Amino acid sequence: MALPGAGGPGSSSSCKPAKPGEIKPTWQTRFPYRRVFGFTPDLLNDDRLGRALDAIAPKLEVIAGTVGARAITEFGIDVSRLHWDMTSMSVHGAFPAGDQDEQYPLIACNGHPKDRRLDLKQVQAGLAVSADGGIPVHSRVFSGASAEVSQVVGAMNDLKAMAGTHEFLMVADSKLVSYSNISALLEAGVEFIAPVPAAQIKDDVYAALDRERAEPVDWVPERDEGKPDTERETYRVLEDIHTLTGRRKSDPTLTVRRILVHSTAVAAGQQAARAKRLAKAAEDLGKLTAAAGGRRYKTREKIVARIGVVTAKRRVTSCLRWHISEDEHGTPGLIWHFDQDVLKAEAAVDG
């Protein structure tokens, strides 16, 4: 963010040198800080800002919590539903651990930065906002090496304290759904909602569902409001139980309500994506079939290597069936097809 008169687009700052004895105007002197904020511009310097931040740091969580609680009271912010999410911020520089204060979040590597800059270290931040208006009511900073899934309980305790005696619903992403997090949330009596990580539900579960038993949802997305009923996407839901088990045999089994949602829009998107992948793979494999035994693919090994590239790039490993034949001269050839039973099983879980 540029300060007034800082030389950004549209600024009237001058690059001409000051004359002898002349005090050259700066962005501090051009803006009426004394009249607006009540202090002189000479107080605006990096050292003073740094000292202020150092003084605030030990009490930052208390200050932020107090401000958030006061805002909730003063402005009547609805904290019955709070949305929590985390992000990472990459930084340039070495930042050796020995040079950092361990009392505060450390700049470090995590391996899963949001911007995919694996070459940079990071620091993480979490933010809670109200459902009504998306008003920020709480934030926390975490070390760059911290696992996001392990930060949910701390955030939950902070938000519960901020909400006071009010019951609230914590809305978060799939990182919330782990055994330790769910255990803490259930023990604290905090209601929550989050998408189950895809790896926790096998395709067989979706394939076995009877869509006709699912209840239709009376809701229309904004993008479909102007469309005829026959062209609108539809949603159907089923409720069942989601089970989580701990790492130790002595850990009790946890069960929570699970809502399974079927979307015709998602199904159509998955069908289109699959058709596109298969078409691209078929094109690549057709070219390989024609070239098999020729100058570029003279041996079986080269054909197999190329098949590996195609299956990985087009993501058709599960459904591709292939065989390399040889004629009387030992020239290799490629025979392939897509397994329709596998494709049918994949289509059964669309949506």
Protein backbone atom coordinates (compact mmCIF):
# COMPACT_ATOMS: atom_id res chain seq x y z
CA MET A 1 0.00 0.00 0.00
CA ALA A 2 1.49 3.35 -0.99
CA LEU A 3 1.45 6.26 1.45
CA PRO A 4 0.17 9.63 0.23
CA GLY A 5 2.78 11.37 -1.86
CA ALA A 6 5.09 8.32 -1.81
CA GLY A 7 5.89 8.60 -5.50
CA GLY A 8 3.43 6.08 -6.89
CA PRO A 9 1.22 6.51 -9.95
CA GLY A 10 -0.20 10.04 -10.04
CA SER A 11 2.27 11.34 -7.42
CA SER A 12 3.57 14.87 -7.73
CA SER A 13 6.94 14.12 -6.10
CA SER A 14 9.98 15.70 -7.72
CA CYS A 15 13.39 14.20 -8.39
CA LYS A 16 15.12 17.60 -8.51
CA PRO A 17 17.89 18.05 -5.89
CA ALA A 18 17.27 20.51 -3.08
CA LYS A 19 19.00 23.88 -3.28
CA PRO A 20 21.64 24.77 -0.63
CA GLY A 21 19.86 25.54 2.64
CA GLU A 22 16.54 24.25 1.36
CA ILE A 23 14.72 21.40 3.16
CA LYS A 24 13.44 19.10 0.44
CA PRO A 25 9.77 18.10 0.96
CA THR A 26 9.19 14.41 1.66
CA TRP A 27 6.04 12.33 1.83
CA GLN A 28 5.96 12.89 5.61
CA THR A 29 5.98 16.70 5.28
CA ARG A 30 3.56 16.85 2.34
CA PHE A 31 0.79 15.02 4.19
CA PRO A 32 -0.90 16.84 7.13
CA TYR A 33 -0.16 14.23 9.79
CA ARG A 34 -0.23 16.78 12.65
CA ARG A 35 -3.74 17.94 11.72
CA VAL A 36 -5.12 14.47 10.98
CA PHE A 37 -3.37 12.27 13.53
CA GLY A 38 -2.03 14.77 16.06
CA PHE A 39 1.71 14.06 15.77
CA THR A 40 4.62 15.53 13.85
CA PRO A 41 5.99 13.80 10.74
CA ASP A 42 9.48 13.37 12.23
CA LEU A 43 8.05 10.60 14.43
CA LEU A 44 7.44 8.48 11.32
CA ASN A 45 10.60 6.41 10.98
CA ASP A 46 11.51 2.74 10.74
CA ASP A 47 13.27 2.63 14.12
CA ARG A 48 10.25 3.96 15.98
CA LEU A 49 7.91 1.57 14.17
CA GLY A 50 10.24 -1.34 14.95
CA ARG A 51 10.37 -0.43 18.65
CA ALA A 52 6.59 -0.16 18.74
CA LEU A 53 6.17 -3.61 17.20
CA ASP A 54 8.71 -5.09 19.62
CA ALA A 55 6.79 -3.61 22.55
CA ILE A 56 3.47 -4.94 21.26
CA ALA A 57 4.70 -8.47 20.40
CA PRO A 58 4.58 -10.01 23.93
CA LYS A 59 1.01 -8.78 24.38
CA LEU A 60 -0.21 -9.19 20.81
CA GLU A 61 -2.68 -12.03 21.45
CA VAL A 62 -4.16 -10.21 24.46
CA ILE A 63 -4.51 -6.98 22.49
CA ALA A 64 -6.01 -8.69 19.45
CA GLY A 65 -8.39 -10.72 21.61
CA THR A 66 -9.49 -7.67 23.55
CA VAL A 67 -10.08 -5.64 20.40
CA GLY A 68 -12.03 -8.52 18.84
CA ALA A 69 -14.19 -9.05 21.93
CA ARG A 70 -14.86 -5.32 22.23
CA ALA A 71 -15.85 -5.09 18.56
CA ILE A 72 -18.23 -8.00 18.97
CA THR A 73 -19.91 -6.24 21.91
CA GLU A 74 -19.91 -2.71 20.50
CA PHE A 75 -21.16 -3.52 17.01
CA GLY A 76 -23.26 -6.59 17.74
CA ILE A 77 -21.23 -8.88 15.46
CA ASP A 78 -22.89 -12.27 15.13
CA VAL A 79 -20.38 -14.89 16.29
CA SER A 80 -22.77 -17.82 16.16
CA ARG A 81 -20.92 -18.99 13.04
CA LEU A 82 -17.22 -18.34 12.52
CA HIS A 83 -15.21 -19.29 9.46
CA TRP A 84 -11.57 -20.27 10.04
CA ASP A 85 -8.87 -20.67 7.40
CA MET A 86 -5.10 -20.54 7.14
CA THR A 87 -2.64 -19.37 4.55
CA SER A 88 1.13 -19.15 4.17
CA MET A 89 3.34 -16.22 3.25
CA SER A 90 6.68 -16.96 1.62
CA VAL A 91 9.69 -14.82 2.46
CA HIS A 92 13.06 -14.33 0.77
CA GLY A 93 16.22 -14.76 2.82
CA ALA A 94 18.10 -17.33 4.90
CA PHE A 95 16.50 -16.76 8.34
CA PRO A 96 18.64 -19.26 10.31
CA ALA A 97 16.72 -20.78 13.21
CA GLY A 98 19.46 -19.75 15.63
CA ASP A 99 18.92 -16.08 14.81
CA GLN A 100 15.18 -16.18 15.53
CA ASP A 101 13.39 -15.79 18.87
CA GLU A 102 11.79 -19.13 19.75
CA GLN A 103 9.12 -17.33 21.80
CA TYR A 104 7.50 -16.28 18.55
CA PRO A 105 6.51 -18.07 15.32
CA LEU A 106 9.60 -19.05 13.34
CA ILE A 107 10.19 -18.50 9.65
CA ALA A 108 10.89 -22.01 8.36
CA CYS A 109 10.17 -24.61 5.68
CA ASN A 110 6.97 -26.62 5.70
CA GLY A 111 6.91 -28.46 2.39
CA HIS A 112 3.35 -27.40 1.54
CA PRO A 113 3.38 -23.65 0.84
CA LYS A 114 0.19 -22.26 -0.66
CA ASP A 115 2.10 -20.51 -3.46
CA ARG A 116 4.11 -23.71 -4.18
CA ARG A 117 7.40 -21.88 -3.71
CA LEU A 118 9.27 -24.84 -2.25
CA ASP A 119 12.52 -22.87 -2.52
CA LEU A 120 11.39 -20.28 0.04
CA LYS A 121 10.74 -20.35 3.77
CA GLN A 122 7.41 -19.22 5.10
CA VAL A 123 5.30 -18.09 8.03
CA GLN A 124 1.65 -19.09 8.41
CA ALA A 125 -1.37 -17.11 9.50
CA GLY A 126 -4.91 -18.05 10.43
CA LEU A 127 -7.95 -15.80 10.24
CA ALA A 128 -11.46 -16.17 11.65
CA VAL A 129 -14.28 -14.12 10.17
CA SER A 130 -17.97 -13.81 10.98
CA ALA A 131 -20.47 -15.43 8.66
CA ASP A 132 -22.41 -12.19 8.54
CA GLY A 133 -20.33 -9.76 6.48
CA GLY A 134 -17.05 -11.66 6.69
CA ILE A 135 -15.78 -9.39 9.49
CA PRO A 136 -12.34 -10.47 10.82
CA VAL A 137 -12.67 -11.14 14.56
CA HIS A 138 -9.53 -13.14 15.34
CA SER A 139 -6.14 -13.99 13.84
CA ARG A 140 -3.07 -16.00 14.80
CA VAL A 141 0.41 -16.39 13.37
CA PHE A 142 2.10 -19.81 13.28
CA SER A 143 5.61 -21.04 12.57
CA GLY A 144 6.28 -21.87 8.95
CA ALA A 145 7.06 -25.51 9.76
CA SER A 146 3.82 -26.12 11.67
CA ALA A 147 1.38 -28.61 10.20
CA GLU A 148 -1.88 -26.85 9.36
CA VAL A 149 -3.95 -29.74 10.67
CA SER A 150 -2.44 -29.26 14.16
CA GLN A 151 -3.50 -25.61 14.48
CA VAL A 152 -7.26 -26.17 14.58
CA VAL A 153 -7.55 -26.95 18.30
CA GLY A 154 -5.74 -23.76 19.33
CA ALA A 155 -7.95 -21.72 17.03
CA MET A 156 -11.03 -23.44 18.42
CA ASN A 157 -10.06 -22.58 22.00
CA ASP A 158 -9.43 -18.95 21.04
CA LEU A 159 -12.74 -18.64 19.23
CA LYS A 160 -14.65 -20.35 22.02
CA ALA A 161 -13.20 -17.90 24.54
CA MET A 162 -14.01 -14.98 22.26
CA ALA A 163 -17.59 -16.13 21.73
CA GLY A 164 -17.99 -16.24 25.54
CA THR A 165 -21.13 -18.04 26.60
CA HIS A 166 -22.43 -18.09 23.04
CA GLU A 167 -22.56 -21.41 21.26
CA PHE A 168 -21.00 -21.15 17.84
CA LEU A 169 -20.49 -23.18 14.70
CA MET A 170 -16.90 -23.46 13.50
CA VAL A 171 -16.59 -23.68 9.72
CA ALA A 172 -13.21 -24.75 8.33
CA ASP A 173 -11.58 -26.64 5.48
CA SER A 174 -10.69 -30.34 5.29
CA LYS A 175 -7.65 -29.90 7.59
CA LEU A 176 -10.11 -29.83 10.48
CA VAL A 177 -11.13 -33.46 9.95
CA SER A 178 -8.47 -35.40 11.82
CA TYR A 179 -8.80 -37.70 14.84
CA SER A 180 -7.13 -35.29 17.27
CA ASN A 181 -9.11 -32.26 16.06
CA ILE A 182 -12.48 -34.00 16.09
CA SER A 183 -11.75 -35.45 19.53
CA ALA A 184 -10.99 -31.97 20.93
CA LEU A 185 -14.03 -30.40 19.26
CA LEU A 186 -16.38 -33.08 20.59
CA GLU A 187 -14.92 -32.80 24.09
CA ALA A 188 -15.31 -29.00 24.04
CA GLY A 189 -18.88 -29.27 22.79
CA VAL A 190 -18.14 -27.10 19.76
CA GLU A 191 -20.26 -27.69 16.68
CA PHE A 192 -18.38 -27.71 13.40
CA ILE A 193 -18.72 -28.33 9.70
CA ALA A 194 -15.95 -29.12 7.23
CA PRO A 195 -15.47 -31.15 4.04
CA VAL A 196 -14.14 -34.64 4.64
CA PRO A 197 -10.74 -35.16 2.95
CA ALA A 198 -11.21 -37.18 -0.23
CA ALA A 199 -8.74 -39.82 0.96
CA GLN A 200 -10.99 -40.68 3.93
CA ILE A 201 -13.87 -41.89 1.75
CA LYS A 202 -13.37 -44.67 -0.76
CA ASP A 203 -15.09 -44.63 -4.15
CA ASP A 204 -16.91 -47.82 -3.18
CA VAL A 205 -18.91 -45.82 -0.63
CA TYR A 206 -20.19 -43.42 -3.28
CA ALA A 207 -20.82 -46.19 -5.81
CA ALA A 208 -23.04 -48.06 -3.35
CA LEU A 209 -25.28 -45.07 -2.66
CA ASP A 210 -28.82 -45.06 -3.98
CA ARG A 211 -29.41 -41.59 -5.42
CA GLU A 212 -33.14 -42.17 -5.53
CA ARG A 213 -33.17 -42.35 -1.72
CA ALA A 214 -31.43 -38.99 -1.45
CA GLU A 215 -33.51 -35.96 -0.54
CA PRO A 216 -33.62 -33.13 -3.13
CA VAL A 217 -32.36 -29.77 -1.86
CA ASP A 218 -34.58 -26.73 -2.40
CA TRP A 219 -31.75 -24.38 -3.36
CA VAL A 220 -30.76 -22.69 -6.60
CA PRO A 221 -27.27 -21.26 -7.24
CA GLU A 222 -27.17 -17.61 -8.31
CA ARG A 223 -25.75 -18.58 -11.70
CA ASP A 224 -28.88 -20.65 -12.38
CA GLU A 225 -31.55 -18.23 -11.16
CA GLY A 226 -32.37 -16.97 -14.65
CA LYS A 227 -32.49 -20.44 -16.22
CA PRO A 228 -35.55 -22.64 -16.78
CA ASP A 229 -36.05 -25.38 -14.19
CA THR A 230 -34.98 -28.06 -16.66
CA GLU A 231 -31.57 -26.39 -17.14
CA ARG A 232 -30.77 -25.78 -13.50
CA GLU A 233 -28.32 -27.97 -11.65
CA THR A 234 -29.81 -29.98 -8.82
CA TYR A 235 -28.56 -31.27 -5.49
CA ARG A 236 -29.55 -34.32 -3.47
CA VAL A 237 -28.34 -35.26 0.03
CA LEU A 238 -28.02 -38.32 2.21
CA GLU A 239 -26.99 -38.45 5.85
CA ASP A 240 -24.89 -41.20 7.40
CA ILE A 241 -22.10 -41.70 9.94
CA HIS A 242 -18.41 -40.88 9.49
CA THR A 243 -16.03 -42.91 11.66
CA LEU A 244 -12.52 -41.94 12.73
CA THR A 245 -10.05 -44.20 14.52
CA GLY A 246 -6.95 -43.18 16.47
CA ARG A 247 -3.42 -44.45 16.00
CA ARG A 248 -3.46 -46.42 19.23
CA LYS A 249 -5.68 -49.42 19.89
CA SER A 250 -6.83 -47.80 23.11
CA ASP A 251 -8.13 -44.72 21.29
CA PRO A 252 -11.94 -44.70 21.26
CA THR A 253 -13.70 -44.71 17.91
CA LEU A 254 -15.22 -41.34 17.05
CA THR A 255 -18.42 -40.96 15.06
CA VAL A 256 -19.88 -37.78 13.60
CA ARG A 257 -22.75 -36.94 11.28
CA ARG A 258 -21.79 -36.92 7.61
CA ILE A 259 -23.79 -35.29 4.84
CA LEU A 260 -23.22 -36.70 1.36
CA VAL A 261 -24.16 -34.27 -1.42
CA HIS A 262 -24.70 -35.15 -5.08
CA SER A 263 -24.44 -32.32 -7.60
CA THR A 264 -25.47 -32.66 -11.23
CA ALA A 265 -23.07 -29.84 -12.10
CA VAL A 266 -20.13 -31.64 -10.51
CA ALA A 267 -21.14 -34.87 -12.25
CA ALA A 268 -21.30 -33.12 -15.63
CA GLY A 269 -17.91 -31.55 -15.03
CA GLN A 270 -16.34 -34.88 -14.12
CA GLN A 271 -17.88 -36.57 -17.15
CA ALA A 272 -16.57 -33.84 -19.45
CA ALA A 273 -13.10 -34.00 -17.89
CA ARG A 274 -13.00 -37.79 -18.26
CA ALA A 275 -14.10 -37.63 -21.90
CA LYS A 276 -11.39 -35.06 -22.59
CA ARG A 277 -8.70 -37.17 -20.92
CA LEU A 278 -9.75 -40.27 -22.83
CA ALA A 279 -9.84 -38.40 -26.13
CA LYS A 280 -6.35 -36.98 -25.57
CA ALA A 281 -5.02 -40.37 -24.50
CA ALA A 282 -6.61 -42.07 -27.50
CA GLU A 283 -4.98 -39.52 -29.80
CA ASP A 284 -1.57 -40.08 -28.23
CA LEU A 285 -1.94 -43.85 -28.27
CA GLY A 286 -3.16 -43.79 -31.87
CA LYS A 287 -0.01 -41.97 -32.90
CA LEU A 288 2.10 -44.43 -30.91
CA THR A 289 0.34 -47.39 -32.53
CA ALA A 290 1.10 -46.00 -35.98
CA ALA A 291 4.72 -45.32 -35.04
CA ALA A 292 5.38 -48.62 -33.25
CA GLY A 293 8.16 -50.59 -35.00
CA GLY A 294 9.35 -47.48 -36.82
CA ARG A 295 12.50 -45.42 -36.40
CA ARG A 296 11.53 -43.76 -33.08
CA TYR A 297 9.86 -46.78 -31.47
CA LYS A 298 11.88 -49.62 -32.85
CA THR A 299 12.03 -51.66 -29.64
CA ARG A 300 9.55 -52.88 -27.05
CA GLU A 301 11.31 -50.87 -24.33
CA LYS A 302 10.79 -47.55 -26.15
CA ILE A 303 7.10 -48.29 -26.67
CA VAL A 304 6.63 -49.20 -23.01
CA ALA A 305 8.40 -46.01 -21.94
CA ARG A 306 6.13 -43.91 -24.14
CA ILE A 307 3.02 -45.66 -22.79
CA GLY A 308 4.17 -44.75 -19.30
CA VAL A 309 4.42 -41.08 -20.30
CA VAL A 310 0.96 -41.09 -21.89
CA THR A 311 -0.78 -42.84 -18.99
CA ALA A 312 0.77 -40.50 -16.43
CA LYS A 313 0.06 -37.33 -18.42
CA ARG A 314 -3.51 -38.24 -19.35
CA ARG A 315 -4.28 -40.04 -16.06
CA VAL A 316 -5.63 -43.22 -17.67
CA THR A 317 -3.49 -45.77 -15.84
CA SER A 318 -6.48 -47.45 -14.19
CA CYS A 319 -8.50 -48.01 -17.37
CA LEU A 320 -5.86 -48.54 -20.08
CA ARG A 321 -5.22 -52.10 -21.18
CA TRP A 322 -2.42 -52.69 -23.67
CA HIS A 323 -0.35 -55.44 -25.24
CA ILE A 324 2.79 -55.37 -27.38
CA SER A 325 2.83 -57.93 -30.19
CA GLU A 326 5.57 -58.98 -32.60
CA ASP A 327 5.31 -60.05 -36.23
CA GLU A 328 7.38 -62.75 -37.93
CA HIS A 329 10.23 -60.27 -38.33
CA GLY A 330 10.26 -59.36 -34.64
CA THR A 331 8.84 -55.88 -35.29
CA PRO A 332 6.83 -54.70 -32.26
CA GLY A 333 3.27 -53.46 -32.50
CA LEU A 334 0.85 -51.95 -29.98
CA ILE A 335 -2.69 -53.13 -29.24
CA TRP A 336 -4.71 -51.21 -26.66
CA HIS A 337 -8.21 -50.42 -25.40
CA PHE A 338 -9.96 -48.73 -22.48
CA ASP A 339 -11.54 -51.06 -19.91
CA GLN A 340 -15.25 -50.19 -20.03
CA ASP A 341 -15.97 -51.85 -16.68
CA VAL A 342 -13.44 -49.53 -14.99
CA LEU A 343 -14.91 -46.50 -16.75
CA LYS A 344 -18.40 -47.53 -15.72
CA ALA A 345 -17.27 -47.83 -12.10
CA GLU A 346 -15.69 -44.36 -12.27
CA ALA A 347 -18.88 -42.89 -13.73
CA ALA A 348 -20.89 -44.43 -10.88
CA VAL A 349 -19.29 -42.02 -8.39
CA ASP A 350 -19.57 -38.86 -10.51
CA GLY A 351 -21.10 -35.94 -8.68
